[in-house]
């Protein structure tokens, strides 16, 4: 028969060691859970980064396409402006030529009118 105080000591020592082992196991489980959470968070951040990178790539390519289209439209507009400038120059030259011709015709008309008067008078 084991004395009562020996049972108490054994129970106390077993409780201490059992508690320590239990606490160590709990700490180990918590550490594993923290590692798992950290891995999941890292994976989530990496996925978010990859998504942003892809979106940036898409935005950059669409921006490049828009810039190319703008340059194309600018060239077309420059071409149209140049064509219009050439047309305006041609029209101005033809207007100047028409004015000169009108002046020449007016001078010719005045001469003819003077000749007509001279012929009628004389």
PDB file of N, CA and C in Angstrom:
ATOM      1  N   UNK A   1       0.864  -1.176   0.000  1.00  0.00           N
ATOM      2  CA  UNK A   1       0.000   0.000   0.000  1.00  0.00           C
ATOM      3  C   UNK A   1       0.901   1.227   0.000  1.00  0.00           C
ATOM      4  N   UNK A   2       0.571   2.158  -0.949  1.00  0.00           N
ATOM      5  CA  UNK A   2       1.380   3.369  -1.101  1.00  0.00           C
ATOM      6  C   UNK A   2       0.810   4.439  -0.184  1.00  0.00           C
ATOM      7  N   UNK A   3       1.688   5.113   0.507  1.00  0.00           N
ATOM      8  CA  UNK A   3       1.177   6.166   1.369  1.00  0.00           C
ATOM      9  C   UNK A   3       0.522   7.285   0.573  1.00  0.00           C
ATOM     10  N   UNK A   4      -0.337   7.990   1.221  1.00  0.00           N
ATOM     11  CA  UNK A   4      -1.120   9.039   0.582  1.00  0.00           C
ATOM     12  C   UNK A   4      -0.230  10.180   0.080  1.00  0.00           C
ATOM     13  N   UNK A   5       0.741  10.535   0.823  1.00  0.00           N
ATOM     14  CA  UNK A   5       1.598  11.665   0.422  1.00  0.00           C
ATOM     15  C   UNK A   5       2.421  11.333  -0.814  1.00  0.00           C
ATOM     16  N   UNK A   6       2.805  10.029  -1.013  1.00  0.00           N
ATOM     17  CA  UNK A   6       3.550   9.640  -2.214  1.00  0.00           C
ATOM     18  C   UNK A   6       2.640   9.777  -3.429  1.00  0.00           C
ATOM     19  N   UNK A   7       1.377   9.371  -3.268  1.00  0.00           N
ATOM     20  CA  UNK A   7       0.421   9.503  -4.370  1.00  0.00           C
ATOM     21  C   UNK A   7       0.250  10.975  -4.773  1.00  0.00           C
ATOM     22  N   UNK A   8       0.183  11.809  -3.732  1.00  0.00           N
ATOM     23  CA  UNK A   8       0.015  13.241  -4.004  1.00  0.00           C
ATOM     24  C   UNK A   8       1.220  13.813  -4.755  1.00  0.00           C
ATOM     25  N   UNK A   9       2.411  13.430  -4.339  1.00  0.00           N
ATOM     26  CA  UNK A   9       3.636  13.912  -4.992  1.00  0.00           C
ATOM     27  C   UNK A   9       3.680  13.428  -6.438  1.00  0.00           C
ATOM     28  N   UNK A  10       3.361  12.143  -6.634  1.00  0.00           N
ATOM     29  CA  UNK A  10       3.373  11.580  -7.991  1.00  0.00           C
ATOM     30  C   UNK A  10       2.352  12.308  -8.864  1.00  0.00           C
ATOM     31  N   UNK A  11       1.167  12.518  -8.307  1.00  0.00           N
ATOM     32  CA  UNK A  11       0.126  13.218  -9.047  1.00  0.00           C
ATOM     33  C   UNK A  11       0.571  14.661  -9.369  1.00  0.00           C
ATOM     34  N   UNK A  12       1.199  15.319  -8.379  1.00  0.00           N
ATOM     35  CA  UNK A  12       1.658  16.694  -8.569  1.00  0.00           C
ATOM     36  C   UNK A  12       2.732  16.763  -9.657  1.00  0.00           C
ATOM     37  N   UNK A  13       3.727  15.873  -9.560  1.00  0.00           N
ATOM     38  CA  UNK A  13       4.817  15.858 -10.543  1.00  0.00           C
ATOM     39  C   UNK A  13       4.264  15.490 -11.920  1.00  0.00           C
ATOM     40  N   UNK A  14       3.407  14.521 -11.978  1.00  0.00           N
ATOM     41  CA  UNK A  14       2.793  14.133 -13.258  1.00  0.00           C
ATOM     42  C   UNK A  14       1.981  15.269 -13.848  1.00  0.00           C
ATOM     43  N   UNK A  15       1.276  15.985 -12.978  1.00  0.00           N
ATOM     44  CA  UNK A  15       0.495  17.124 -13.438  1.00  0.00           C
ATOM     45  C   UNK A  15       1.380  18.214 -14.011  1.00  0.00           C
ATOM     46  N   UNK A  16       2.508  18.470 -13.323  1.00  0.00           N
ATOM     47  CA  UNK A  16       3.429  19.501 -13.819  1.00  0.00           C
ATOM     48  C   UNK A  16       3.966  19.103 -15.185  1.00  0.00           C
ATOM     49  N   UNK A  17       4.479  17.859 -15.258  1.00  0.00           N
ATOM     50  CA  UNK A  17       5.048  17.430 -16.536  1.00  0.00           C
ATOM     51  C   UNK A  17       3.975  17.318 -17.614  1.00  0.00           C
ATOM     52  N   UNK A  18       2.832  16.821 -17.240  1.00  0.00           N
ATOM     53  CA  UNK A  18       1.737  16.720 -18.200  1.00  0.00           C
ATOM     54  C   UNK A  18       1.327  18.089 -18.706  1.00  0.00           C
ATOM     55  N   UNK A  19       1.249  19.043 -17.774  1.00  0.00           N
ATOM     56  CA  UNK A  19       0.889  20.406 -18.162  1.00  0.00           C
ATOM     57  C   UNK A  19       1.933  20.986 -19.107  1.00  0.00           C
ATOM     58  N   UNK A  20       3.216  20.758 -18.775  1.00  0.00           N
ATOM     59  CA  UNK A  20       4.285  21.264 -19.640  1.00  0.00           C
ATOM     60  C   UNK A  20       4.220  20.642 -21.024  1.00  0.00           C
ATOM     61  N   UNK A  21       4.019  19.326 -21.080  1.00  0.00           N
ATOM     62  CA  UNK A  21       3.926  18.669 -22.395  1.00  0.00           C
ATOM     63  C   UNK A  21       2.724  19.185 -23.162  1.00  0.00           C
ATOM     64  N   UNK A  22       1.618  19.352 -22.436  1.00  0.00           N
ATOM     65  CA  UNK A  22       0.395  19.854 -23.077  1.00  0.00           C
ATOM     66  C   UNK A  22       0.623  21.276 -23.591  1.00  0.00           C
ATOM     67  N   UNK A  23       1.281  22.109 -22.779  1.00  0.00           N
ATOM     68  CA  UNK A  23       1.559  23.484 -23.192  1.00  0.00           C
ATOM     69  C   UNK A  23       2.516  23.491 -24.385  1.00  0.00           C
ATOM     70  N   UNK A  24       3.517  22.649 -24.369  1.00  0.00           N
ATOM     71  CA  UNK A  24       4.463  22.577 -25.487  1.00  0.00           C
ATOM     72  C   UNK A  24       3.737  22.162 -26.764  1.00  0.00           C
ATOM     73  N   UNK A  25       2.843  21.165 -26.649  1.00  0.00           N
ATOM     74  CA  UNK A  25       2.075  20.733 -27.818  1.00  0.00           C
ATOM     75  C   UNK A  25       1.188  21.880 -28.322  1.00  0.00           C
ATOM     76  N   UNK A  26       0.578  22.634 -27.401  1.00  0.00           N
ATOM     77  CA  UNK A  26      -0.275  23.768 -27.784  1.00  0.00           C
ATOM     78  C   UNK A  26       0.559  24.846 -28.476  1.00  0.00           C
ATOM     79  N   UNK A  27       1.759  25.123 -27.945  1.00  0.00           N
ATOM     80  CA  UNK A  27       2.636  26.100 -28.580  1.00  0.00           C
ATOM     81  C   UNK A  27       3.039  25.644 -29.982  1.00  0.00           C
ATOM     82  N   UNK A  28       3.327  24.373 -30.103  1.00  0.00           N
ATOM     83  CA  UNK A  28       3.713  23.818 -31.396  1.00  0.00           C
ATOM     84  C   UNK A  28       2.557  23.932 -32.399  1.00  0.00           C
ATOM     85  N   UNK A  29       1.346  23.607 -31.955  1.00  0.00           N
ATOM     86  CA  UNK A  29       0.181  23.734 -32.832  1.00  0.00           C
ATOM     87  C   UNK A  29      -0.044  25.192 -33.239  1.00  0.00           C
ATOM     88  N   UNK A  30       0.106  26.101 -32.273  1.00  0.00           N
ATOM     89  CA  UNK A  30      -0.049  27.525 -32.577  1.00  0.00           C
ATOM     90  C   UNK A  30       1.003  27.976 -33.587  1.00  0.00           C
ATOM     91  N   UNK A  31       2.228  27.516 -33.418  1.00  0.00           N
ATOM     92  CA  UNK A  31       3.305  27.886 -34.344  1.00  0.00           C
ATOM     93  C   UNK A  31       2.985  27.365 -35.750  1.00  0.00           C
ATOM     94  N   UNK A  32       2.498  26.106 -35.822  1.00  0.00           N
ATOM     95  CA  UNK A  32       2.128  25.554 -37.124  1.00  0.00           C
ATOM     96  C   UNK A  32       1.003  26.365 -37.766  1.00  0.00           C
ATOM     97  N   UNK A  33       0.005  26.742 -36.952  1.00  0.00           N
ATOM     98  CA  UNK A  33      -1.110  27.538 -37.475  1.00  0.00           C
ATOM     99  C   UNK A  33      -0.611  28.910 -37.958  1.00  0.00           C
ATOM    100  N   UNK A  34       0.290  29.522 -37.159  1.00  0.00           N
ATOM    101  CA  UNK A  34       0.851  30.811 -37.581  1.00  0.00           C
ATOM    102  C   UNK A  34       1.600  30.679 -38.905  1.00  0.00           C
ATOM    103  N   UNK A  35       2.391  29.613 -39.034  1.00  0.00           N
ATOM    104  CA  UNK A  35       3.125  29.390 -40.286  1.00  0.00           C
ATOM    105  C   UNK A  35       2.160  29.213 -41.454  1.00  0.00           C
ATOM    106  N   UNK A  36       1.107  28.419 -41.233  1.00  0.00           N
ATOM    107  CA  UNK A  36       0.117  28.193 -42.285  1.00  0.00           C
ATOM    108  C   UNK A  36      -0.557  29.512 -42.682  1.00  0.00           C
ATOM    109  N   UNK A  37      -0.924  30.312 -41.672  1.00  0.00           N
ATOM    110  CA  UNK A  37      -1.557  31.613 -41.947  1.00  0.00           C
ATOM    111  C   UNK A  37      -0.599  32.511 -42.701  1.00  0.00           C
ATOM    112  N   UNK A  38       0.664  32.516 -42.261  1.00  0.00           N
ATOM    113  CA  UNK A  38       1.662  33.350 -42.933  1.00  0.00           C
ATOM    114  C   UNK A  38       1.845  32.907 -44.387  1.00  0.00           C
ATOM    115  N   UNK A  39       1.882  31.587 -44.628  1.00  0.00           N
ATOM    116  CA  UNK A  39       2.015  31.086 -46.012  1.00  0.00           C
ATOM    117  C   UNK A  39       0.809  31.490 -46.842  1.00  0.00           C
ATOM    118  N   UNK A  40      -0.398  31.367 -46.247  1.00  0.00           N
ATOM    119  CA  UNK A  40      -1.607  31.757 -46.966  1.00  0.00           C
ATOM    120  C   UNK A  40      -1.605  33.250 -47.288  1.00  0.00           C
ATOM    121  N   UNK A  41      -1.195  34.068 -46.297  1.00  0.00           N
ATOM    122  CA  UNK A  41      -1.137  35.512 -46.534  1.00  0.00           C
ATOM    123  C   UNK A  41      -0.123  35.842 -47.619  1.00  0.00           C
ATOM    124  N   UNK A  42       1.028  35.170 -47.578  1.00  0.00           N
ATOM    125  CA  UNK A  42       2.057  35.398 -48.599  1.00  0.00           C
ATOM    126  C   UNK A  42       1.530  35.001 -49.974  1.00  0.00           C
ATOM    127  N   UNK A  43       0.864  33.860 -50.035  1.00  0.00           N
ATOM    128  CA  UNK A  43       0.299  33.409 -51.311  1.00  0.00           C
ATOM    129  C   UNK A  43      -0.761  34.401 -51.797  1.00  0.00           C
ATOM    130  N   UNK A  44      -1.578  34.902 -50.882  1.00  0.00           N
ATOM    131  CA  UNK A  44      -2.615  35.874 -51.263  1.00  0.00           C
ATOM    132  C   UNK A  44      -1.980  37.164 -51.764  1.00  0.00           C
ATOM    133  N   UNK A  45      -0.930  37.635 -51.064  1.00  0.00           N
ATOM    134  CA  UNK A  45      -0.238  38.854 -51.507  1.00  0.00           C
ATOM    135  C   UNK A  45       0.386  38.649 -52.883  1.00  0.00           C
ATOM    136  N   UNK A  46       0.986  37.473 -53.085  1.00  0.00           N
ATOM    137  CA  UNK A  46       1.610  37.179 -54.383  1.00  0.00           C
ATOM    138  C   UNK A  46       0.556  37.142 -55.485  1.00  0.00           C
ATOM    139  N   UNK A  47      -0.585  36.540 -55.192  1.00  0.00           N
ATOM    140  CA  UNK A  47      -1.664  36.492 -56.185  1.00  0.00           C
ATOM    141  C   UNK A  47      -2.159  37.901 -56.494  1.00  0.00           C
ATOM    142  N   UNK A  48      -2.312  38.717 -55.454  1.00  0.00           N
ATOM    143  CA  UNK A  48      -2.748  40.103 -55.647  1.00  0.00           C
ATOM    144  C   UNK A  48      -1.718  40.865 -56.484  1.00  0.00           C
ATOM    145  N   UNK A  49      -0.443  40.651 -56.189  1.00  0.00           N
ATOM    146  CA  UNK A  49       0.634  41.291 -56.939  1.00  0.00           C
ATOM    147  C   UNK A  49       0.593  40.865 -58.408  1.00  0.00           C
ATOM    148  N   UNK A  50       0.402  39.556 -58.633  1.00  0.00           N
ATOM    149  CA  UNK A  50       0.329  39.053 -60.009  1.00  0.00           C
ATOM    150  C   UNK A  50      -0.847  39.661 -60.758  1.00  0.00           C
ATOM    151  N   UNK A  51      -1.989  39.779 -60.072  1.00  0.00           N
ATOM    152  CA  UNK A  51      -3.177  40.377 -60.701  1.00  0.00           C
ATOM    153  C   UNK A  51      -2.902  41.837 -61.058  1.00  0.00           C
ATOM    154  N   UNK A  52      -2.318  42.586 -60.124  1.00  0.00           N
ATOM    155  CA  UNK A  52      -1.998  43.990 -60.392  1.00  0.00           C
ATOM    156  C   UNK A  52      -0.998  44.116 -61.535  1.00  0.00           C
ATOM    157  N   UNK A  53      -0.030  43.215 -61.563  1.00  0.00           N
ATOM    158  CA  UNK A  53       0.974  43.237 -62.627  1.00  0.00           C
ATOM    159  C   UNK A  53       0.303  42.999 -63.981  1.00  0.00           C
ATOM    160  N   UNK A  54      -0.602  42.032 -64.026  1.00  0.00           N
ATOM    161  CA  UNK A  54      -1.324  41.742 -65.262  1.00  0.00           C
ATOM    162  C   UNK A  54      -2.178  42.936 -65.684  1.00  0.00           C
ATOM    163  N   UNK A  55      -2.901  43.524 -64.706  1.00  0.00           N
ATOM    164  CA  UNK A  55      -3.724  44.700 -65.014  1.00  0.00           C
ATOM    165  C   UNK A  55      -2.860  45.848 -65.527  1.00  0.00           C
ATOM    166  N   UNK A  56      -1.706  46.059 -64.894  1.00  0.00           N
ATOM    167  CA  UNK A  56      -0.798  47.114 -65.350  1.00  0.00           C
ATOM    168  C   UNK A  56      -0.315  46.848 -66.766  1.00  0.00           C
ATOM    169  N   UNK A  57      -0.011  45.588 -67.054  1.00  0.00           N
ATOM    170  CA  UNK A  57       0.430  45.226 -68.408  1.00  0.00           C
ATOM    171  C   UNK A  57      -0.676  45.522 -69.419  1.00  0.00           C
ATOM    172  N   UNK A  58      -1.922  45.143 -69.057  1.00  0.00           N
ATOM    173  CA  UNK A  58      -3.046  45.395 -69.955  1.00  0.00           C
ATOM    174  C   UNK A  58      -3.267  46.895 -70.139  1.00  0.00           C
ATOM    175  N   UNK A  59      -3.217  47.644 -69.039  1.00  0.00           N
ATOM    176  CA  UNK A  59      -3.387  49.099 -69.133  1.00  0.00           C
ATOM    177  C   UNK A  59      -2.283  49.725 -69.967  1.00  0.00           C
ATOM    178  N   UNK A  60      -1.058  49.246 -69.793  1.00  0.00           N
ATOM    179  CA  UNK A  60       0.070  49.796 -70.545  1.00  0.00           C
ATOM    180  C   UNK A  60      -0.095  49.516 -72.033  1.00  0.00           C
ATOM    181  N   UNK A  61      -0.518  48.290 -72.371  1.00  0.00           N
ATOM    182  CA  UNK A  61      -0.692  47.972 -73.788  1.00  0.00           C
ATOM    183  C   UNK A  61      -1.838  48.780 -74.388  1.00  0.00           C
ATOM    184  N   UNK A  62      -2.925  48.972 -73.629  1.00  0.00           N
ATOM    185  CA  UNK A  62      -4.025  49.783 -74.157  1.00  0.00           C
ATOM    186  C   UNK A  62      -3.601  51.247 -74.266  1.00  0.00           C
ATOM    187  N   UNK A  63      -2.782  51.719 -73.330  1.00  0.00           N
ATOM    188  CA  UNK A  63      -2.267  53.084 -73.416  1.00  0.00           C
ATOM    189  C   UNK A  63      -1.374  53.242 -74.638  1.00  0.00           C
ATOM    190  N   UNK A  64      -0.533  52.245 -74.899  1.00  0.00           N
ATOM    191  CA  UNK A  64       0.314  52.302 -76.095  1.00  0.00           C
ATOM    192  C   UNK A  64      -0.543  52.329 -77.355  1.00  0.00           C
ATOM    193  N   UNK A  65      -1.595  51.527 -77.388  1.00  0.00           N
ATOM    194  CA  UNK A  65      -2.479  51.517 -78.554  1.00  0.00           C
ATOM    195  C   UNK A  65      -3.146  52.882 -78.716  1.00  0.00           C
ATOM    196  N   UNK A  66      -3.585  53.473 -77.595  1.00  0.00           N
ATOM    197  CA  UNK A  66      -4.222  54.790 -77.666  1.00  0.00           C
ATOM    198  C   UNK A  66      -3.233  55.837 -78.164  1.00  0.00           C
ATOM    199  N   UNK A  67      -1.989  55.785 -77.692  1.00  0.00           N
ATOM    200  CA  UNK A  67      -0.978  56.745 -78.130  1.00  0.00           C
ATOM    201  C   UNK A  67      -0.660  56.573 -79.609  1.00  0.00           C
ATOM    202  N   UNK A  68      -0.603  55.317 -80.062  1.00  0.00           N
ATOM    203  CA  UNK A  68      -0.355  55.067 -81.480  1.00  0.00           C
ATOM    204  C   UNK A  68      -1.507  55.614 -82.319  1.00  0.00           C
ATOM    205  N   UNK A  69      -2.730  55.400 -81.860  1.00  0.00           N
ATOM    206  CA  UNK A  69      -3.905  55.918 -82.574  1.00  0.00           C
ATOM    207  C   UNK A  69      -3.889  57.447 -82.592  1.00  0.00           C
ATOM    208  N   UNK A  70      -3.518  58.061 -81.472  1.00  0.00           N
ATOM    209  CA  UNK A  70      -3.442  59.522 -81.410  1.00  0.00           C
ATOM    210  C   UNK A  70      -2.399  60.043 -82.397  1.00  0.00           C
ATOM    211  N   UNK A  71      -1.255  59.366 -82.462  1.00  0.00           N
ATOM    212  CA  UNK A  71      -0.206  59.784 -83.404  1.00  0.00           C
ATOM    213  C   UNK A  71      -0.691  59.633 -84.843  1.00  0.00           C
ATOM    214  N   UNK A  72      -1.402  58.539 -85.110  1.00  0.00           N
ATOM    215  CA  UNK A  72      -1.950  58.315 -86.450  1.00  0.00           C
ATOM    216  C   UNK A  72      -2.946  59.421 -86.814  1.00  0.00           C
ATOM    217  N   UNK A  73      -3.842  59.741 -85.863  1.00  0.00           N
ATOM    218  CA  UNK A  73      -4.819  60.807 -86.108  1.00  0.00           C
ATOM    219  C   UNK A  73      -4.129  62.154 -86.286  1.00  0.00           C
ATOM    220  N   UNK A  74      -3.068  62.381 -85.517  1.00  0.00           N
ATOM    221  CA  UNK A  74      -2.331  63.637 -85.644  1.00  0.00           C
ATOM    222  C   UNK A  74      -1.698  63.740 -87.040  1.00  0.00           C
ATOM    223  N   UNK A  75      -1.130  62.630 -87.509  1.00  0.00           N
ATOM    224  CA  UNK A  75      -0.543  62.632 -88.864  1.00  0.00           C
ATOM    225  C   UNK A  75      -1.611  62.907 -89.916  1.00  0.00           C
ATOM    226  N   UNK A  76      -2.779  62.221 -89.761  1.00  0.00           N
ATOM    227  CA  UNK A  76      -3.871  62.455 -90.710  1.00  0.00           C
ATOM    228  C   UNK A  76      -4.292  63.923 -90.685  1.00  0.00           C
ATOM    229  N   UNK A  77      -4.429  64.473 -89.489  1.00  0.00           N
ATOM    230  CA  UNK A  77      -4.835  65.869 -89.342  1.00  0.00           C
ATOM    231  C   UNK A  77      -3.786  66.797 -89.946  1.00  0.00           C
ATOM    232  N   UNK A  78      -2.508  66.502 -89.683  1.00  0.00           N
ATOM    233  CA  UNK A  78      -1.446  67.314 -90.279  1.00  0.00           C
ATOM    234  C   UNK A  78      -1.513  67.253 -91.799  1.00  0.00           C
ATOM    235  N   UNK A  79      -1.786  66.056 -92.329  1.00  0.00           N
ATOM    236  CA  UNK A  79      -1.918  65.899 -93.785  1.00  0.00           C
ATOM    237  C   UNK A  79      -3.091  66.712 -94.318  1.00  0.00           C
ATOM    238  N   UNK A  80      -4.226  66.645 -93.608  1.00  0.00           N
ATOM    239  CA  UNK A  80      -5.402  67.413 -94.038  1.00  0.00           C
ATOM    240  C   UNK A  80      -5.130  68.916 -93.966  1.00  0.00           C
ATOM    241  N   UNK A  81      -4.461  69.338 -92.897  1.00  0.00           N
ATOM    242  CA  UNK A  81      -4.138  70.761 -92.758  1.00  0.00           C
ATOM    243  C   UNK A  81      -3.223  71.191 -93.894  1.00  0.00           C
ATOM    244  N   UNK A  82      -2.252  70.357 -94.204  1.00  0.00           N
ATOM    245  CA  UNK A  82      -1.333  70.678 -95.300  1.00  0.00           C
ATOM    246  C   UNK A  82      -2.085  70.746 -96.633  1.00  0.00           C
ATOM    247  N   UNK A  83      -2.968  69.760 -96.860  1.00  0.00           N
ATOM    248  CA  UNK A  83      -3.765  69.777 -98.101  1.00  0.00           C
ATOM    249  C   UNK A  83      -4.606  71.048 -98.175  1.00  0.00           C
ATOM    250  N   UNK A  84      -5.231  71.402 -97.079  1.00  0.00           N
ATOM    251  CA  UNK A  84      -6.061  72.612 -97.066  1.00  0.00           C
ATOM    252  C   UNK A  84      -5.221  73.860 -97.297  1.00  0.00           C
ATOM    253  N   UNK A  85      -4.025  73.883 -96.712  1.00  0.00           N
ATOM    254  CA  UNK A  85      -3.142  75.035 -96.907  1.00  0.00           C
ATOM    255  C   UNK A  85      -2.754  75.155 -98.374  1.00  0.00           C
ATOM    256  N   UNK A  86      -2.465  74.021 -99.001  1.00  0.00           N
ATOM    257  CA  UNK A  86      -2.124  74.037-100.431  1.00  0.00           C
ATOM    258  C   UNK A  86      -3.319  74.516-101.250  1.00  0.00           C
ATOM    259  N   UNK A  87      -4.524  74.009-100.915  1.00  0.00           N
ATOM    260  CA  UNK A  87      -5.734  74.444-101.629  1.00  0.00           C
ATOM    261  C   UNK A  87      -5.954  75.942-101.454  1.00  0.00           C
ATOM    262  N   UNK A  88      -5.756  76.418-100.215  1.00  0.00           N
ATOM    263  CA  UNK A  88      -5.940  77.854 -99.944  1.00  0.00           C
ATOM    264  C   UNK A  88      -4.939  78.667-100.761  1.00  0.00           C
ATOM    265  N   UNK A  89      -3.683  78.211-100.823  1.00  0.00           N
ATOM    266  CA  UNK A  89      -2.680  78.924-101.618  1.00  0.00           C
ATOM    267  C   UNK A  89      -3.082  78.954-103.093  1.00  0.00           C
ATOM    268  N   UNK A  90      -3.546  77.799-103.590  1.00  0.00           N
ATOM    269  CA  UNK A  90      -3.974  77.747-104.995  1.00  0.00           C
ATOM    270  C   UNK A  90      -5.139  78.694-105.231  1.00  0.00           C
ATOM    271  N   UNK A  91      -6.115  78.683-104.282  1.00  0.00           N
ATOM    272  CA  UNK A  91      -7.263  79.573-104.434  1.00  0.00           C
ATOM    273  C   UNK A  91      -6.838  81.041-104.389  1.00  0.00           C
ATOM    274  N   UNK A  92      -5.900  81.370-103.490  1.00  0.00           N
ATOM    275  CA  UNK A  92      -5.423  82.753-103.425  1.00  0.00           C
ATOM    276  C   UNK A  92      -4.726  83.150-104.718  1.00  0.00           C
ATOM    277  N   UNK A  93      -3.922  82.239-105.252  1.00  0.00           N
ATOM    278  CA  UNK A  93      -3.239  82.540-106.524  1.00  0.00           C
ATOM    279  C   UNK A  93      -4.250  82.719-107.646  1.00  0.00           C
ATOM    280  N   UNK A  94      -5.249  81.824-107.682  1.00  0.00           N
ATOM    281  CA  UNK A  94      -6.245  81.949-108.745  1.00  0.00           C
ATOM    282  C   UNK A  94      -7.079  83.223-108.554  1.00  0.00           C
ATOM    283  N   UNK A  95      -7.337  83.603-107.294  1.00  0.00           N
ATOM    284  CA  UNK A  95      -8.058  84.851-107.030  1.00  0.00           C
ATOM    285  C   UNK A  95      -7.228  86.051-107.490  1.00  0.00           C
ATOM    286  N   UNK A  96      -5.930  86.015-107.152  1.00  0.00           N
ATOM    287  CA  UNK A  96      -5.059  87.108-107.588  1.00  0.00           C
ATOM    288  C   UNK A  96      -5.013  87.185-109.115  1.00  0.00           C
ATOM    289  N   UNK A  97      -4.929  86.000-109.734  1.00  0.00           N
ATOM    290  CA  UNK A  97      -4.912  85.978-111.196  1.00  0.00           C
ATOM    291  C   UNK A  97      -6.231  86.507-111.754  1.00  0.00           C
ATOM    292  N   UNK A  98      -7.340  86.130-111.108  1.00  0.00           N
ATOM    293  CA  UNK A  98      -8.647  86.611-111.567  1.00  0.00           C
ATOM    294  C   UNK A  98      -8.750  88.119-111.369  1.00  0.00           C
ATOM    295  N   UNK A  99      -8.229  88.640-110.259  1.00  0.00           N
ATOM    296  CA  UNK A  99      -8.250  90.091-110.045  1.00  0.00           C
ATOM    297  C   UNK A  99      -7.414  90.806-111.106  1.00  0.00           C
ATOM    298  N   UNK A 100      -6.244  90.259-111.403  1.00  0.00           N
ATOM    299  CA  UNK A 100      -5.401  90.872-112.443  1.00  0.00           C
ATOM    300  C   UNK A 100      -6.111  90.851-113.790  1.00  0.00           C
ATOM    301  N   UNK A 101      -6.737  89.714-114.067  1.00  0.00           N
ATOM    302  CA  UNK A 101      -7.461  89.600-115.328  1.00  0.00           C
ATOM    303  C   UNK A 101      -8.631  90.592-115.367  1.00  0.00           C
ATOM    304  N   UNK A 102      -9.326  90.728-114.209  1.00  0.00           N
ATOM    305  CA  UNK A 102     -10.445  91.670-114.131  1.00  0.00           C
ATOM    306  C   UNK A 102      -9.933  93.096-114.338  1.00  0.00           C
ATOM    307  N   UNK A 103      -8.763  93.404-113.749  1.00  0.00           N
ATOM    308  CA  UNK A 103      -8.196  94.737-113.951  1.00  0.00           C
ATOM    309  C   UNK A 103      -7.822  94.942-115.425  1.00  0.00           C
ATOM    310  N   UNK A 104      -7.213  93.923-115.988  1.00  0.00           N
ATOM    311  CA  UNK A 104      -6.829  94.027-117.402  1.00  0.00           C
ATOM    312  C   UNK A 104      -8.064  94.191-118.271  1.00  0.00           C
ATOM    313  N   UNK A 105      -9.137  93.447-117.951  1.00  0.00           N
ATOM    314  CA  UNK A 105     -10.371  93.588-118.721  1.00  0.00           C
ATOM    315  C   UNK A 105     -10.985  94.967-118.537  1.00  0.00           C
ATOM    316  N   UNK A 106     -10.900  95.496-117.306  1.00  0.00           N
ATOM    317  CA  UNK A 106     -11.430  96.841-117.059  1.00  0.00           C
ATOM    318  C   UNK A 106     -10.647  97.872-117.859  1.00  0.00           C
ATOM    319  N   UNK A 107      -9.326  97.744-117.908  1.00  0.00           N
ATOM    320  CA  UNK A 107      -8.499  98.658-118.693  1.00  0.00           C
ATOM    321  C   UNK A 107      -8.852  98.532-120.168  1.00  0.00           C
ATOM    322  N   UNK A 108      -9.005  97.287-120.604  1.00  0.00           N
ATOM    323  CA  UNK A 108      -9.359  97.047-122.010  1.00  0.00           C
ATOM    324  C   UNK A 108     -10.725  97.635-122.325  1.00  0.00           C
ATOM    325  N   UNK A 109     -11.669  97.468-121.388  1.00  0.00           N
ATOM    326  CA  UNK A 109     -13.021  98.011-121.566  1.00  0.00           C
ATOM    327  C   UNK A 109     -12.958  99.531-121.671  1.00  0.00           C
ATOM    328  N   UNK A 110     -12.160 100.184-120.767  1.00  0.00           N
ATOM    329  CA  UNK A 110     -12.016 101.644-120.830  1.00  0.00           C
ATOM    330  C   UNK A 110     -11.448 102.063-122.183  1.00  0.00           C
ATOM    331  N   UNK A 111     -10.442 101.369-122.682  1.00  0.00           N
ATOM    332  CA  UNK A 111      -9.859 101.701-123.988  1.00  0.00           C
ATOM    333  C   UNK A 111     -10.888 101.555-125.101  1.00  0.00           C
ATOM    334  N   UNK A 112     -11.649 100.468-124.999  1.00  0.00           N
ATOM    335  CA  UNK A 112     -12.670 100.242-126.024  1.00  0.00           C
ATOM    336  C   UNK A 112     -13.730 101.340-125.967  1.00  0.00           C
ATOM    337  N   UNK A 113     -14.116 101.722-124.737  1.00  0.00           N
ATOM    338  CA  UNK A 113     -15.116 102.790-124.606  1.00  0.00           C
ATOM    339  C   UNK A 113     -14.591 104.102-125.178  1.00  0.00           C
ATOM    340  N   UNK A 114     -13.310 104.414-124.937  1.00  0.00           N
ATOM    341  CA  UNK A 114     -12.713 105.625-125.500  1.00  0.00           C
ATOM    342  C   UNK A 114     -12.676 105.550-127.014  1.00  0.00           C
ATOM    343  N   UNK A 115     -12.337 104.388-127.555  1.00  0.00           N
ATOM    344  CA  UNK A 115     -12.303 104.239-129.014  1.00  0.00           C
ATOM    345  C   UNK A 115     -13.695 104.400-129.597  1.00  0.00           C
ATOM    346  N   UNK A 116     -14.691 103.814-128.862  1.00  0.00           N
ATOM    347  CA  UNK A 116     -16.069 103.924-129.322  1.00  0.00           C
ATOM    348  C   UNK A 116     -16.506 105.385-129.341  1.00  0.00           C
ATOM    349  N   UNK A 117     -16.174 106.149-128.305  1.00  0.00           N
ATOM    350  CA  UNK A 117     -16.518 107.574-128.264  1.00  0.00           C
ATOM    351  C   UNK A 117     -15.803 108.345-129.388  1.00  0.00           C
ATOM    352  N   UNK A 118     -14.538 107.965-129.525  1.00  0.00           N
ATOM    353  CA  UNK A 118     -13.780 108.633-130.596  1.00  0.00           C
ATOM    354  C   UNK A 118     -14.404 108.356-131.948  1.00  0.00           C
ATOM    355  N   UNK A 119     -14.822 107.102-132.133  1.00  0.00           N
ATOM    356  CA  UNK A 119     -15.425 106.747-133.418  1.00  0.00           C
ATOM    357  C   UNK A 119     -16.759 107.457-133.566  1.00  0.00           C
ATOM    358  N   UNK A 120     -17.564 107.511-132.485  1.00  0.00           N
ATOM    359  CA  UNK A 120     -18.870 108.175-132.576  1.00  0.00           C
ATOM    360  C   UNK A 120     -18.708 109.682-132.797  1.00  0.00           C
ATOM    361  N   UNK A 121     -17.712 110.281-132.181  1.00  0.00           N
ATOM    362  CA  UNK A 121     -17.507 111.726-132.322  1.00  0.00           C
ATOM    363  C   UNK A 121     -16.878 112.060-133.663  1.00  0.00           C
ATOM    364  N   UNK A 122     -16.122 111.172-134.096  1.00  0.00           N
ATOM    365  CA  UNK A 122     -15.421 111.624-135.183  1.00  0.00           C
ATOM    366  C   UNK A 122     -15.317 111.191-136.485  1.00  0.00           C
TER     367      UNK A 122
END
